[in-house]
Amino acid sequence: MRKARRAFTREFKVEAIRLAEQRGTRAAADSLGIYISSLYQWKRQLSTDGAEAFRGNGNRTGLEEENRELRLEVRRLREETEILKKAAAYFAKHQR
């Protein structure tokens, strides 16, 4: 049977990385009961993402959130533009 997938908190991951720096990656992984590949992946993720590493599922980075908000605003503005075009065409037609 397959093992259940374990979820680790951000704090656990950061502490595991700190322990790996002190005792070595292999020793830290063995003592914590995690795969060494997971520890290497967490190290890589922390070095590339910094403070925004280990956000969890569904949580966006600052840039991702800003991008989402801007896309929503663009969509709203396009809809408003279409409404104004139709209104302008209607009034131009009925002015004659």
C-alpha atoms as a PDB file:
ATOM      1  CA  MET A   1       0.000   0.000   0.000  1.00  0.00           C
ATOM      2  CA  ARG A   2       1.051   3.563  -0.659  1.00  0.00           C
ATOM      3  CA  LYS A   3       2.062   5.965   2.078  1.00  0.00           C
ATOM      4  CA  ALA A   4      -0.183   8.941   2.671  1.00  0.00           C
ATOM      5  CA  ARG A   5       1.235  12.187   1.363  1.00  0.00           C
ATOM      6  CA  ARG A   6       2.568  14.284   4.200  1.00  0.00           C
ATOM      7  CA  ALA A   7       2.292  18.046   4.312  1.00  0.00           C
ATOM      8  CA  PHE A   8       4.943  20.104   6.043  1.00  0.00           C
ATOM      9  CA  THR A   9       4.568  23.616   7.382  1.00  0.00           C
ATOM     10  CA  ARG A  10       6.744  26.482   6.263  1.00  0.00           C
ATOM     11  CA  GLU A  11       8.390  26.564   9.680  1.00  0.00           C
ATOM     12  CA  PHE A  12       9.270  22.858   9.477  1.00  0.00           C
ATOM     13  CA  LYS A  13      10.869  23.313   6.071  1.00  0.00           C
ATOM     14  CA  VAL A  14      12.925  26.309   7.162  1.00  0.00           C
ATOM     15  CA  GLU A  15      14.097  24.479  10.299  1.00  0.00           C
ATOM     16  CA  ALA A  16      14.939  21.388   8.243  1.00  0.00           C
ATOM     17  CA  ILE A  17      17.090  23.520   5.940  1.00  0.00           C
ATOM     18  CA  ARG A  18      18.803  25.121   8.946  1.00  0.00           C
ATOM     19  CA  LEU A  19      19.469  21.656  10.403  1.00  0.00           C
ATOM     20  CA  ALA A  20      20.861  20.486   7.043  1.00  0.00           C
ATOM     21  CA  GLU A  21      23.280  23.406   7.020  1.00  0.00           C
ATOM     22  CA  GLN A  22      24.484  22.490  10.508  1.00  0.00           C
ATOM     23  CA  ARG A  23      24.635  18.680  10.323  1.00  0.00           C
ATOM     24  CA  GLY A  24      24.650  17.954   6.607  1.00  0.00           C
ATOM     25  CA  THR A  25      21.818  17.215   4.231  1.00  0.00           C
ATOM     26  CA  ARG A  26      21.905  13.424   4.490  1.00  0.00           C
ATOM     27  CA  ALA A  27      22.008  13.431   8.325  1.00  0.00           C
ATOM     28  CA  ALA A  28      19.208  15.990   8.566  1.00  0.00           C
ATOM     29  CA  ALA A  29      16.984  14.059   6.150  1.00  0.00           C
ATOM     30  CA  ASP A  30      17.581  10.796   8.023  1.00  0.00           C
ATOM     31  CA  SER A  31      16.929  12.308  11.451  1.00  0.00           C
ATOM     32  CA  LEU A  32      13.732  14.036  10.282  1.00  0.00           C
ATOM     33  CA  GLY A  33      12.452  11.045   8.340  1.00  0.00           C
ATOM     34  CA  ILE A  34      12.131  12.885   5.040  1.00  0.00           C
ATOM     35  CA  TYR A  35      13.531  12.212   1.612  1.00  0.00           C
ATOM     36  CA  ILE A  36      16.839  13.871   0.858  1.00  0.00           C
ATOM     37  CA  SER A  37      15.435  15.000  -2.496  1.00  0.00           C
ATOM     38  CA  SER A  38      12.704  16.916  -0.663  1.00  0.00           C
ATOM     39  CA  LEU A  39      15.306  18.699   1.404  1.00  0.00           C
ATOM     40  CA  TYR A  40      17.307  19.643  -1.698  1.00  0.00           C
ATOM     41  CA  GLN A  41      14.122  20.888  -3.367  1.00  0.00           C
ATOM     42  CA  TRP A  42      13.239  23.006  -0.322  1.00  0.00           C
ATOM     43  CA  LYS A  43      16.757  24.482  -0.280  1.00  0.00           C
ATOM     44  CA  ARG A  44      16.502  25.388  -3.969  1.00  0.00           C
ATOM     45  CA  GLN A  45      13.047  26.881  -3.512  1.00  0.00           C
ATOM     46  CA  LEU A  46      14.161  28.981  -0.528  1.00  0.00           C
ATOM     47  CA  SER A  47      17.203  30.287  -2.399  1.00  0.00           C
ATOM     48  CA  THR A  48      15.183  31.291  -5.484  1.00  0.00           C
ATOM     49  CA  ASP A  49      11.962  32.577  -3.869  1.00  0.00           C
ATOM     50  CA  GLY A  50      13.368  33.937  -0.609  1.00  0.00           C
ATOM     51  CA  ALA A  51      10.701  35.222   1.761  1.00  0.00           C
ATOM     52  CA  GLU A  52       7.899  34.108  -0.571  1.00  0.00           C
ATOM     53  CA  ALA A  53       8.999  30.471  -0.544  1.00  0.00           C
ATOM     54  CA  PHE A  54       6.599  27.835   0.791  1.00  0.00           C
ATOM     55  CA  ARG A  55       3.447  29.937   0.353  1.00  0.00           C
ATOM     56  CA  GLY A  56       1.150  26.930   0.286  1.00  0.00           C
ATOM     57  CA  ASN A  57      -1.468  26.026  -2.261  1.00  0.00           C
ATOM     58  CA  GLY A  58      -3.597  28.846  -3.551  1.00  0.00           C
ATOM     59  CA  ASN A  59      -1.485  31.622  -2.091  1.00  0.00           C
ATOM     60  CA  ARG A  60      -0.072  33.950  -4.696  1.00  0.00           C
ATOM     61  CA  THR A  61       3.127  35.940  -4.741  1.00  0.00           C
ATOM     62  CA  GLY A  62       2.883  39.703  -4.814  1.00  0.00           C
ATOM     63  CA  LEU A  63       3.492  39.785  -8.560  1.00  0.00           C
ATOM     64  CA  GLU A  64       0.962  37.043  -9.251  1.00  0.00           C
ATOM     65  CA  GLU A  65      -1.681  38.880  -7.225  1.00  0.00           C
ATOM     66  CA  GLU A  66      -0.943  42.184  -8.970  1.00  0.00           C
ATOM     67  CA  ASN A  67      -1.119  40.432 -12.344  1.00  0.00           C
ATOM     68  CA  ARG A  68      -4.504  38.908 -11.459  1.00  0.00           C
ATOM     69  CA  GLU A  69      -5.889  42.283 -10.360  1.00  0.00           C
ATOM     70  CA  LEU A  70      -4.641  44.008 -13.513  1.00  0.00           C
ATOM     71  CA  ARG A  71      -6.186  41.324 -15.727  1.00  0.00           C
ATOM     72  CA  LEU A  72      -9.536  41.805 -13.973  1.00  0.00           C
ATOM     73  CA  GLU A  73      -9.304  45.558 -14.474  1.00  0.00           C
ATOM     74  CA  VAL A  74      -8.448  45.144 -18.170  1.00  0.00           C
ATOM     75  CA  ARG A  75     -11.469  42.864 -18.608  1.00  0.00           C
ATOM     76  CA  ARG A  76     -13.742  45.392 -16.862  1.00  0.00           C
ATOM     77  CA  LEU A  77     -12.414  48.277 -18.957  1.00  0.00           C
ATOM     78  CA  ARG A  78     -12.920  46.316 -22.193  1.00  0.00           C
ATOM     79  CA  GLU A  79     -16.528  45.623 -21.228  1.00  0.00           C
ATOM     80  CA  GLU A  80     -17.078  49.319 -20.478  1.00  0.00           C
ATOM     81  CA  THR A  81     -15.542  50.260 -23.830  1.00  0.00           C
ATOM     82  CA  GLU A  82     -17.884  47.890 -25.669  1.00  0.00           C
ATOM     83  CA  ILE A  83     -20.897  49.363 -23.860  1.00  0.00           C
ATOM     84  CA  LEU A  84     -19.803  52.908 -24.714  1.00  0.00           C
ATOM     85  CA  LYS A  85     -19.287  51.980 -28.392  1.00  0.00           C
ATOM     86  CA  LYS A  86     -22.798  50.543 -28.575  1.00  0.00           C
ATOM     87  CA  ALA A  87     -24.266  53.583 -26.833  1.00  0.00           C
ATOM     88  CA  ALA A  88     -22.426  55.964 -29.170  1.00  0.00           C
ATOM     89  CA  ALA A  89     -23.655  54.039 -32.207  1.00  0.00           C
ATOM     90  CA  TYR A  90     -27.228  54.087 -30.875  1.00  0.00           C
ATOM     91  CA  PHE A  91     -27.255  57.840 -30.228  1.00  0.00           C
ATOM     92  CA  ALA A  92     -25.548  58.614 -33.556  1.00  0.00           C
ATOM     93  CA  LYS A  93     -28.217  56.574 -35.349  1.00  0.00           C
ATOM     94  CA  HIS A  94     -31.129  58.301 -33.607  1.00  0.00           C
ATOM     95  CA  GLN A  95     -29.785  61.862 -33.968  1.00  0.00           C
ATOM     96  CA  ARG A  96     -30.314  61.968 -37.709  1.00  0.00           C
END
